[in-house]
């Protein structure tokens, strides 16, 4: 696995450190979110980021996919919206940092399951660890981490 780079792969030294989650994932809460079958088309249209694995069944199948797949950033957006709604009283301005790894495919017209696995109250805010599962129960987003400021902070 990994990503191949032509050069030395510079830039990693500038990435922030992400706290490691201790222990294996228990569940504080779980939310199942339906993904509209047109969601990948909506995202492509709104962002003007066009990649045919998200909008062309023919192209997606030509490259070995089962069909069009949802953009990872859409999956992330749905998960983070749910986390903000539940953990930050719907106040997106409290979001200070987030991290995740895209590790699986989500098919439009299915669902995702967001699981909050750990919540740590810290002096400056709240640390949250989450995982997102796809329609097959496989991890679509792994190693999810969010830091929220305290309300009014």
Protein backbone atom coordinates (compact mmCIF):
# COMPACT_ATOMS: atom_id res chain seq x y z
CA UNK A 1 0.00 0.00 0.00
CA UNK A 2 0.89 3.63 0.10
CA UNK A 3 1.23 6.41 -2.39
CA UNK A 4 4.03 6.57 -4.93
CA UNK A 5 5.81 9.92 -5.31
CA UNK A 6 8.25 11.05 -7.99
CA UNK A 7 10.34 12.98 -5.48
CA UNK A 8 11.02 12.46 -1.80
CA UNK A 9 7.37 13.03 -0.89
CA UNK A 10 8.01 16.32 0.86
CA UNK A 11 5.32 17.92 3.00
CA UNK A 12 4.61 15.18 5.50
CA UNK A 13 6.70 17.01 8.09
CA UNK A 14 4.13 19.84 8.00
CA UNK A 15 1.15 17.63 8.86
CA UNK A 16 -0.21 18.05 12.38
CA UNK A 17 0.17 15.22 14.85
CA UNK A 18 -3.07 13.37 15.50
CA UNK A 19 -3.62 11.87 18.95
CA UNK A 20 -3.87 8.10 18.88
CA UNK A 21 -7.09 6.51 20.04
CA UNK A 22 -6.42 4.12 22.89
CA UNK A 23 -8.27 0.83 23.00
CA UNK A 24 -10.53 -0.78 20.43
CA UNK A 25 -13.68 0.95 19.27
CA UNK A 26 -16.62 0.82 21.58
CA UNK A 27 -19.66 2.84 20.63
CA UNK A 28 -20.90 6.01 22.31
CA UNK A 29 -23.46 6.55 19.58
CA UNK A 30 -24.22 5.30 16.08
CA UNK A 31 -26.05 7.04 13.27
CA UNK A 32 -27.18 5.57 9.96
CA UNK A 33 -27.32 8.08 7.11
CA UNK A 34 -28.94 7.32 3.75
CA UNK A 35 -26.97 8.43 0.70
CA UNK A 36 -29.15 9.60 -2.17
CA UNK A 37 -28.40 7.83 -5.45
CA UNK A 38 -27.83 11.21 -7.11
CA UNK A 39 -25.50 12.57 -4.42
CA UNK A 40 -22.27 12.14 -6.40
CA UNK A 41 -23.78 14.05 -9.34
CA UNK A 42 -24.88 16.87 -7.02
CA UNK A 43 -21.40 17.12 -5.51
CA UNK A 44 -19.66 17.14 -8.90
CA UNK A 45 -22.06 19.82 -10.13
CA UNK A 46 -21.71 22.03 -7.07
CA UNK A 47 -17.93 21.79 -6.78
CA UNK A 48 -17.03 21.59 -10.46
CA UNK A 49 -14.64 18.78 -9.52
CA UNK A 50 -15.44 16.26 -12.20
CA UNK A 51 -14.04 12.74 -12.09
CA UNK A 52 -15.93 10.08 -14.06
CA UNK A 53 -15.74 7.34 -11.40
CA UNK A 54 -18.34 9.43 -9.57
CA UNK A 55 -20.71 10.08 -12.48
CA UNK A 56 -20.16 7.51 -15.25
CA UNK A 57 -21.21 3.91 -14.60
CA UNK A 58 -19.47 2.86 -17.80
CA UNK A 59 -16.15 4.48 -16.87
CA UNK A 60 -16.32 3.25 -13.27
CA UNK A 61 -16.84 -0.33 -14.46
CA UNK A 62 -14.03 0.01 -17.02
CA UNK A 63 -11.60 0.76 -14.19
CA UNK A 64 -12.84 -2.18 -12.10
CA UNK A 65 -15.36 -0.54 -9.81
CA UNK A 66 -18.83 -2.02 -9.21
CA UNK A 67 -20.41 1.24 -10.41
CA UNK A 68 -20.11 4.90 -9.56
CA UNK A 69 -18.76 5.58 -6.08
CA UNK A 70 -19.38 8.46 -3.74
CA UNK A 71 -16.58 10.98 -3.30
CA UNK A 72 -14.70 10.40 -0.06
CA UNK A 73 -15.12 14.06 0.82
CA UNK A 74 -18.91 13.66 0.59
CA UNK A 75 -18.77 10.72 2.98
CA UNK A 76 -16.62 12.83 5.28
CA UNK A 77 -19.01 15.80 5.04
CA UNK A 78 -21.99 13.66 6.07
CA UNK A 79 -20.04 12.19 9.00
CA UNK A 80 -18.75 15.57 10.21
CA UNK A 81 -22.21 17.13 9.92
CA UNK A 82 -23.57 14.38 12.15
CA UNK A 83 -20.75 14.83 14.66
CA UNK A 84 -21.24 18.61 14.77
CA UNK A 85 -25.01 18.23 15.17
CA UNK A 86 -24.63 15.77 18.04
CA UNK A 87 -21.45 16.93 19.77
CA UNK A 88 -21.28 20.70 19.10
CA UNK A 89 -24.96 21.69 19.35
CA UNK A 90 -25.04 22.23 15.57
CA UNK A 91 -22.36 24.93 15.85
CA UNK A 92 -19.86 24.32 13.03
CA UNK A 93 -17.72 27.25 14.20
CA UNK A 94 -16.52 25.02 17.06
CA UNK A 95 -14.73 22.68 14.64
CA UNK A 96 -10.99 23.31 14.92
CA UNK A 97 -9.41 20.28 13.29
CA UNK A 98 -10.25 16.97 11.76
CA UNK A 99 -8.37 14.00 10.38
CA UNK A 100 -9.28 10.74 8.69
CA UNK A 101 -8.17 8.10 6.22
CA UNK A 102 -10.39 7.15 3.30
CA UNK A 103 -10.28 3.37 3.37
CA UNK A 104 -13.36 2.07 1.55
CA UNK A 105 -15.97 2.80 -1.08
CA UNK A 106 -19.50 4.05 -0.57
CA UNK A 107 -22.05 3.44 -3.30
CA UNK A 108 -24.73 6.06 -3.95
CA UNK A 109 -28.20 4.80 -3.07
CA UNK A 110 -26.96 2.95 0.03
CA UNK A 111 -26.18 4.13 3.55
CA UNK A 112 -23.28 4.89 5.82
CA UNK A 113 -23.01 4.25 9.53
CA UNK A 114 -21.13 6.79 11.65
CA UNK A 115 -19.90 5.52 15.00
CA UNK A 116 -18.50 7.81 17.68
CA UNK A 117 -16.06 5.58 19.51
CA UNK A 118 -14.42 7.85 22.04
CA UNK A 119 -14.99 11.29 23.57
CA UNK A 120 -12.34 13.00 25.66
CA UNK A 121 -13.12 16.24 27.46
CA UNK A 122 -10.02 18.45 27.43
CA UNK A 123 -9.46 21.93 28.92
CA UNK A 124 -9.64 23.57 25.49
CA UNK A 125 -12.45 21.47 24.08
CA UNK A 126 -13.51 18.00 23.10
CA UNK A 127 -11.58 15.28 21.27
CA UNK A 128 -13.70 12.83 19.31
CA UNK A 129 -12.73 9.59 17.58
CA UNK A 130 -15.00 8.09 14.94
CA UNK A 131 -15.26 5.49 12.17
CA UNK A 132 -17.59 5.41 9.17
CA UNK A 133 -18.79 2.11 7.73
CA UNK A 134 -20.22 1.54 4.25
CA UNK A 135 -23.20 -0.53 3.14
CA UNK A 136 -21.17 -3.75 3.44
CA UNK A 137 -20.03 -3.02 6.99
CA UNK A 138 -16.50 -2.20 5.81
CA UNK A 139 -14.63 0.88 7.01
CA UNK A 140 -15.12 3.73 4.54
CA UNK A 141 -13.36 6.20 6.86
CA UNK A 142 -10.81 4.99 9.42
CA UNK A 143 -8.87 6.76 12.12
CA UNK A 144 -11.36 9.62 12.31
CA UNK A 145 -10.49 12.42 14.74
CA UNK A 146 -12.22 15.74 15.44
CA UNK A 147 -11.32 18.52 17.85
CA UNK A 148 -14.10 20.88 18.90
CA UNK A 149 -13.63 24.09 20.89
CA UNK A 150 -15.75 24.53 23.97
CA UNK A 151 -19.03 26.37 23.43
CA UNK A 152 -18.48 30.11 23.53
CA UNK A 153 -14.71 29.62 23.19
